[in-house]
Structures are given as C-alpha cells and as structure tokens.
Amino acid sequence: MAHEAVIPGSFSALTAAGDVDVLILEAPLGRRIRLVHGGGPSLQLTAVPLDSEHGALGWQEVFPALAPGQSLEARLARLAPFALSVETSSLAGAYRLDVDVPLTVCGDGVADENEDCDDGNLTSGDGCSAACAREDSDETEPNDEALRADVLSLSPAQGFLRRNEEDWFVFDVGPAQVGAWSFLASDADGLGCSVDLRLSLVDANGREVMVDDGGGLGCPDLLGPATFLNLGTWYVRVSPGTGRRLPPWGAYRLSSSAPP
C-alpha cells in the first residue's frame, strides 16, 4: 500500500510476510539520507525516483537488506521526490523505519554538496583543507563567466563544480594547433564517471559550438568535426548536467588534447 511521509520522520506498520509498503518521500536535493531500522523483520529497501506527478522515471536503486538495529546512508542525487519501497522478509510483524537527513559537518569523511572534499579530519596541507576545500584545484573562484575564465593548458585541470554554478576555461589556438581538438570531463582521479556534468565548447563571440552531457551518466566529451578549431580564443564551459542518476556537483578532471 502507498503512504505519504516527509523527511525527516518515522514510519511504522504492521505487515504480513512478504508485504510491500511504498513511502513517498520528499528529500532535500543532494543531501544524504539516513535510514534506521527501528525494529521488526528484516527489510529490503528500494528507491525509485519520481517525476512531478509521482510517476516512476524508469530506474531504481536497491539497497542492502536492513536488519533490526542497522542503518544505512545514501546520497540519492536528485531523487526528490522519490518512492521508497519497503519489502518485509518471510516473517510477519510490526516494524519501524526512521528516516533522517544528517547535518553537513566538515571532517566527517563524507563530501556533501557544499564541500569540495572531506578526508575525515580538520587538518590543512593534506590536499583537503580544514574548511573542506580542495588544495590541489587548478581553478580559481569565481570563474563563472568568460571574463573570469581560468587558463586551460594541455595538462589535465582539476576543478570542483558547486551547485548552480559554472566553471569557464579559456585557451588560445595557435597556427600549429589548428585542427581537431578533444575534451573530456571525468572524476578527479580520471578513472570514473560519478558526477553529472555538461561540457560546452564556446567561441570568442560567445556562440556555443558543441555540447555534450554524457547522457546523464557522467564523463561528457567533445569530439568530432565540430571541434575542428581555427586560430583564435576558445572557451570550455563546465556546468551541471540535467540527468537524475548522478549528483550535478563534485570534483572533476578536465582533459584536453590538441591535434598531433
């Protein structure tokens, strides 16, 4: 059966073995949620993102089974609202599920949306400052418009995209560099795709020449005939993607390569 609930809060039910309850939850965008099993049979939890009409968007996230007394935390990116399917084990009985939104605290080892990083301590000089700001970033804030763009070299640039902001990078194409360029945004270590980003190639007149968002699955790239660049000044803009599977903020690496 379906129920309405609001985070934070508690939900209790008396259920038959194998029964399924569905909670419609409104979670703050991008915040972590904590689910605590307050007692009763083991629970299988599944999160399903919903549209504005509470229709399912076609994918889901299945969490490990939760035994009484256990808890789990998850950042559900843009899943607000979302449906939480609660399926009981083979045992019938009453259960209680507590849903909470933990406070954002620098130094707890979890990088929240307003933190560049969080290495679990409040010590500067180790790559992540006492204020949870990255110390190895190649971008200088503010760089949210062409006039404030950071210079992009052929070495990978480390950046951090915050909520509702853009990062701009500028570079010049000289006579020996005319041709097909390529650009790729990935995780800060260059190995994964866990941030939903949108890459745009912009010319000196502010015209967007090419755009890619990685299909909402991270790691957007700019390749192909549209990236044949002539002499002049060019910009790469990094902005939040519009997918729902990944958080649209976080640390990233922007790699570029010029024609051989």
Protein backbone atom coordinates (compact mmCIF):
# COMPACT_ATOMS: atom_id res chain seq x y z
CA MET A 1 0.00 0.00 0.00
CA ALA A 2 1.13 3.60 -0.51
CA HIS A 3 1.72 6.15 2.24
CA GLU A 4 2.78 9.76 2.38
CA ALA A 5 5.75 10.75 4.51
CA VAL A 6 8.12 13.67 4.84
CA ILE A 7 11.84 13.54 5.67
CA PRO A 8 12.78 13.57 8.49
CA GLY A 9 10.28 11.30 10.15
CA SER A 10 9.33 7.79 11.20
CA PHE A 11 7.06 5.23 9.65
CA SER A 12 5.58 2.24 11.44
CA ALA A 13 3.46 -0.55 10.05
CA LEU A 14 2.09 -3.96 10.92
CA THR A 15 2.67 -6.11 7.86
CA ALA A 16 2.29 -9.65 6.60
CA ALA A 17 5.25 -11.71 5.47
CA GLY A 18 6.49 -10.57 2.07
CA ASP A 19 4.27 -7.48 2.10
CA VAL A 20 5.41 -4.28 0.36
CA ASP A 21 4.80 -0.73 1.59
CA VAL A 22 5.62 2.30 -0.53
CA LEU A 23 6.57 5.60 1.07
CA ILE A 24 6.57 8.79 -0.98
CA LEU A 25 9.37 10.88 0.46
CA GLU A 26 10.44 14.46 -0.19
CA ALA A 27 14.21 14.63 0.32
CA PRO A 28 16.28 17.83 0.15
CA LEU A 29 18.09 17.82 -3.17
CA GLY A 30 21.54 16.30 -2.96
CA ARG A 31 21.51 15.72 0.78
CA ARG A 32 22.37 12.42 2.37
CA ILE A 33 19.56 10.48 3.97
CA ARG A 34 19.92 8.00 6.83
CA LEU A 35 17.59 5.03 7.13
CA VAL A 36 17.44 3.32 10.52
CA HIS A 37 15.60 0.04 11.10
CA GLY A 38 13.90 0.58 14.46
CA GLY A 39 12.69 -2.97 14.95
CA GLY A 40 10.78 -5.85 13.38
CA PRO A 41 11.52 -8.21 10.47
CA SER A 42 14.37 -7.55 8.03
CA LEU A 43 13.59 -5.02 5.33
CA GLN A 44 14.53 -4.76 1.67
CA LEU A 45 14.58 -1.12 0.58
CA THR A 46 14.42 0.16 -3.00
CA ALA A 47 14.46 3.83 -4.03
CA VAL A 48 12.64 4.86 -7.21
CA PRO A 49 12.90 8.48 -8.48
CA LEU A 50 9.62 10.17 -9.36
CA ASP A 51 8.61 13.00 -11.64
CA SER A 52 6.47 15.93 -10.55
CA GLU A 53 3.33 13.82 -10.98
CA HIS A 54 4.83 11.00 -8.88
CA GLY A 55 5.31 8.79 -11.91
CA ALA A 56 8.33 6.46 -11.88
CA LEU A 57 11.26 7.58 -14.05
CA GLY A 58 12.26 4.07 -15.10
CA TRP A 59 15.22 3.14 -12.91
CA GLN A 60 15.81 2.31 -9.28
CA GLU A 61 18.45 1.86 -6.63
CA VAL A 62 18.34 -1.28 -4.48
CA PHE A 63 19.92 -1.08 -1.02
CA PRO A 64 21.34 -3.99 1.00
CA ALA A 65 18.84 -5.77 3.26
CA LEU A 66 18.42 -3.96 6.56
CA ALA A 67 18.21 -5.95 9.80
CA PRO A 68 16.74 -4.55 13.04
CA GLY A 69 19.07 -2.00 14.58
CA GLN A 70 21.03 -1.49 11.37
CA SER A 71 21.23 1.76 9.43
CA LEU A 72 22.47 2.97 6.07
CA GLU A 73 23.23 6.31 4.49
CA ALA A 74 22.84 7.20 0.85
CA ARG A 75 23.06 10.29 -1.29
CA LEU A 76 20.29 9.99 -3.82
CA ALA A 77 21.49 12.81 -6.07
CA ARG A 78 18.34 14.45 -7.42
CA LEU A 79 15.79 11.95 -6.18
CA ALA A 80 13.32 14.41 -4.75
CA PRO A 81 10.63 13.25 -4.52
CA PHE A 82 11.20 9.52 -4.59
CA ALA A 83 9.33 6.38 -3.67
CA LEU A 84 10.87 4.09 -1.07
CA SER A 85 9.66 0.53 -1.45
CA VAL A 86 9.80 -1.36 1.84
CA GLU A 87 9.50 -5.13 1.49
CA THR A 88 9.48 -7.31 4.58
CA SER A 89 11.20 -10.66 4.90
CA SER A 90 9.48 -14.01 5.25
CA LEU A 91 8.50 -13.03 8.79
CA ALA A 92 5.37 -11.04 9.59
CA GLY A 93 5.21 -8.40 12.30
CA ALA A 94 5.44 -4.73 13.13
CA TYR A 95 8.40 -2.67 12.01
CA ARG A 96 9.57 0.92 12.32
CA LEU A 97 11.72 2.79 9.81
CA ASP A 98 13.30 6.09 10.85
CA VAL A 99 14.33 8.46 8.06
CA ASP A 100 16.68 11.34 8.81
CA VAL A 101 18.75 13.94 6.97
CA PRO A 102 22.15 14.18 8.72
CA LEU A 103 23.69 17.59 9.26
CA THR A 104 26.53 18.54 6.93
CA VAL A 105 29.69 18.51 9.03
CA CYS A 106 33.20 19.14 7.70
CA GLY A 107 35.53 16.40 8.87
CA ASP A 108 33.08 13.50 8.95
CA GLY A 109 34.66 11.79 5.94
CA VAL A 110 31.71 12.35 3.59
CA ALA A 111 31.88 15.13 0.98
CA ASP A 112 28.49 16.83 0.97
CA GLU A 113 27.20 19.20 -1.67
CA ASN A 114 28.71 22.33 -0.08
CA GLU A 115 32.11 20.69 0.46
CA ASP A 116 34.85 20.34 -2.14
CA CYS A 117 36.23 17.35 -0.24
CA ASP A 118 36.12 15.69 3.18
CA ASP A 119 39.03 13.49 4.20
CA GLY A 120 37.79 12.85 7.73
CA ASN A 121 39.94 15.43 9.52
CA LEU A 122 40.23 19.16 10.06
CA THR A 123 43.89 19.43 9.07
CA SER A 124 45.08 21.61 6.20
CA GLY A 125 48.04 20.78 3.97
CA ASP A 126 46.96 17.23 3.12
CA GLY A 127 45.04 18.04 -0.07
CA CYS A 128 41.79 18.92 1.72
CA SER A 129 41.78 21.98 3.96
CA ALA A 130 40.33 22.42 7.43
CA ALA A 131 37.34 24.07 5.73
CA CYS A 132 36.85 21.07 3.39
CA ALA A 133 38.15 22.94 0.35
CA ARG A 134 40.40 21.24 -2.20
CA GLU A 135 44.01 22.37 -2.04
CA ASP A 136 45.03 20.91 -5.41
CA SER A 137 42.48 22.64 -7.63
CA ASP A 138 43.58 24.33 -10.86
CA GLU A 139 40.60 26.67 -10.94
CA THR A 140 40.26 29.99 -9.17
CA GLU A 141 36.83 31.09 -7.98
CA PRO A 142 34.94 32.94 -9.22
CA ASN A 143 35.29 31.65 -12.76
CA ASP A 144 31.63 31.52 -13.69
CA GLU A 145 31.80 33.61 -16.86
CA ALA A 146 34.09 34.07 -19.85
CA LEU A 147 35.72 37.23 -18.46
CA ARG A 148 36.81 35.29 -15.35
CA ALA A 149 37.84 32.07 -17.10
CA ASP A 150 40.85 30.11 -15.90
CA VAL A 151 43.55 29.30 -18.44
CA LEU A 152 43.29 25.75 -19.78
CA SER A 153 46.55 24.05 -20.70
CA LEU A 154 47.15 20.64 -22.26
CA SER A 155 47.72 19.22 -18.78
CA PRO A 156 44.56 17.91 -17.05
CA ALA A 157 42.87 20.61 -14.95
CA GLN A 158 41.42 19.75 -11.54
CA GLY A 159 38.19 21.55 -10.69
CA PHE A 160 35.16 21.41 -8.44
CA LEU A 161 31.67 22.27 -9.59
CA ARG A 162 29.30 23.55 -6.95
CA ARG A 163 25.54 23.60 -7.11
CA ASN A 164 24.09 26.15 -9.54
CA GLU A 165 27.46 27.37 -10.82
CA GLU A 166 29.55 27.13 -13.97
CA ASP A 167 33.30 26.86 -14.46
CA TRP A 168 34.87 28.53 -17.50
CA PHE A 169 38.25 27.78 -19.02
CA VAL A 170 39.97 29.69 -21.83
CA PHE A 171 42.69 28.71 -24.29
CA ASP A 172 44.21 30.04 -27.50
CA VAL A 173 44.70 28.08 -30.70
CA GLY A 174 47.92 28.98 -32.48
CA PRO A 175 48.99 28.21 -36.09
CA ALA A 176 50.45 24.84 -35.11
CA GLN A 177 47.30 23.82 -33.19
CA VAL A 178 44.62 24.32 -35.84
CA GLY A 179 42.67 21.09 -36.23
CA ALA A 180 40.52 18.61 -34.32
CA TRP A 181 40.74 19.01 -30.54
CA SER A 182 39.16 16.78 -27.92
CA PHE A 183 37.93 17.40 -24.37
CA LEU A 184 36.84 15.01 -21.63
CA ALA A 185 35.47 15.53 -18.12
CA SER A 186 35.87 12.68 -15.63
CA ASP A 187 36.27 12.11 -11.90
CA ALA A 188 39.19 13.85 -10.21
CA ASP A 189 41.31 10.70 -10.44
CA GLY A 190 40.48 10.30 -14.13
CA LEU A 191 39.15 6.79 -13.55
CA GLY A 192 35.41 7.14 -13.07
CA CYS A 193 32.23 8.98 -14.01
CA SER A 194 30.35 9.82 -10.82
CA VAL A 195 29.44 13.48 -11.43
CA ASP A 196 26.72 14.65 -13.82
CA LEU A 197 28.43 17.35 -15.90
CA ARG A 198 27.74 19.22 -19.12
CA LEU A 199 30.61 20.34 -21.38
CA SER A 200 30.22 23.19 -23.85
CA LEU A 201 32.66 24.48 -26.45
CA VAL A 202 32.21 28.24 -26.90
CA ASP A 203 33.87 30.51 -29.44
CA ALA A 204 35.18 34.05 -28.87
CA ASN A 205 31.79 35.53 -29.80
CA GLY A 206 30.01 33.56 -27.09
CA ARG A 207 28.46 31.11 -29.55
CA GLU A 208 28.03 27.57 -28.24
CA VAL A 209 29.61 25.35 -30.89
CA MET A 210 29.18 21.92 -29.32
CA VAL A 211 27.59 20.45 -26.18
CA ASP A 212 27.68 17.04 -24.51
CA ASP A 213 26.26 15.86 -21.18
CA GLY A 214 27.34 12.23 -21.28
CA GLY A 215 23.72 11.15 -21.48
CA GLY A 216 23.35 11.95 -17.78
CA LEU A 217 25.79 9.15 -16.94
CA GLY A 218 28.90 11.27 -16.41
CA CYS A 219 32.12 11.69 -18.42
CA PRO A 220 30.89 14.05 -21.15
CA ASP A 221 33.28 14.59 -24.06
CA LEU A 222 33.63 16.94 -27.00
CA LEU A 223 34.86 15.12 -30.09
CA GLY A 224 34.26 15.08 -33.82
CA PRO A 225 34.13 17.57 -36.70
CA ALA A 226 32.63 20.36 -34.57
CA THR A 227 35.83 20.50 -32.53
CA PHE A 228 37.98 21.42 -35.56
CA LEU A 229 39.27 24.68 -34.17
CA ASN A 230 40.72 27.58 -36.11
CA LEU A 231 43.03 30.32 -34.90
CA GLY A 232 41.72 32.35 -32.01
CA THR A 233 40.42 32.25 -28.46
CA TRP A 234 38.11 29.44 -27.32
CA TYR A 235 36.32 28.51 -24.13
CA VAL A 236 35.21 25.29 -22.43
CA ARG A 237 32.32 25.67 -20.02
CA VAL A 238 31.62 23.06 -17.32
CA SER A 239 28.10 23.21 -15.92
CA PRO A 240 25.69 20.88 -14.07
CA GLY A 241 24.08 18.14 -16.14
CA THR A 242 20.35 17.50 -16.23
CA GLY A 243 20.29 13.77 -15.51
CA ARG A 244 18.88 12.22 -12.35
CA ARG A 245 21.26 9.34 -11.66
CA LEU A 246 24.32 11.30 -10.54
CA PRO A 247 24.88 14.39 -8.37
CA PRO A 248 25.45 17.53 -10.52
CA TRP A 249 28.35 18.77 -8.40
CA GLY A 250 31.68 17.48 -7.24
CA ALA A 251 35.36 17.22 -8.10
CA TYR A 252 36.28 16.62 -11.74
CA ARG A 253 39.22 16.46 -14.12
CA LEU A 254 39.06 18.30 -17.43
CA SER A 255 41.44 16.84 -20.03
CA SER A 256 42.15 18.34 -23.43
CA SER A 257 44.28 17.35 -26.37
CA ALA A 258 45.41 19.31 -29.41
CA PRO A 259 45.95 17.99 -32.94
CA PRO A 260 49.15 15.92 -33.27
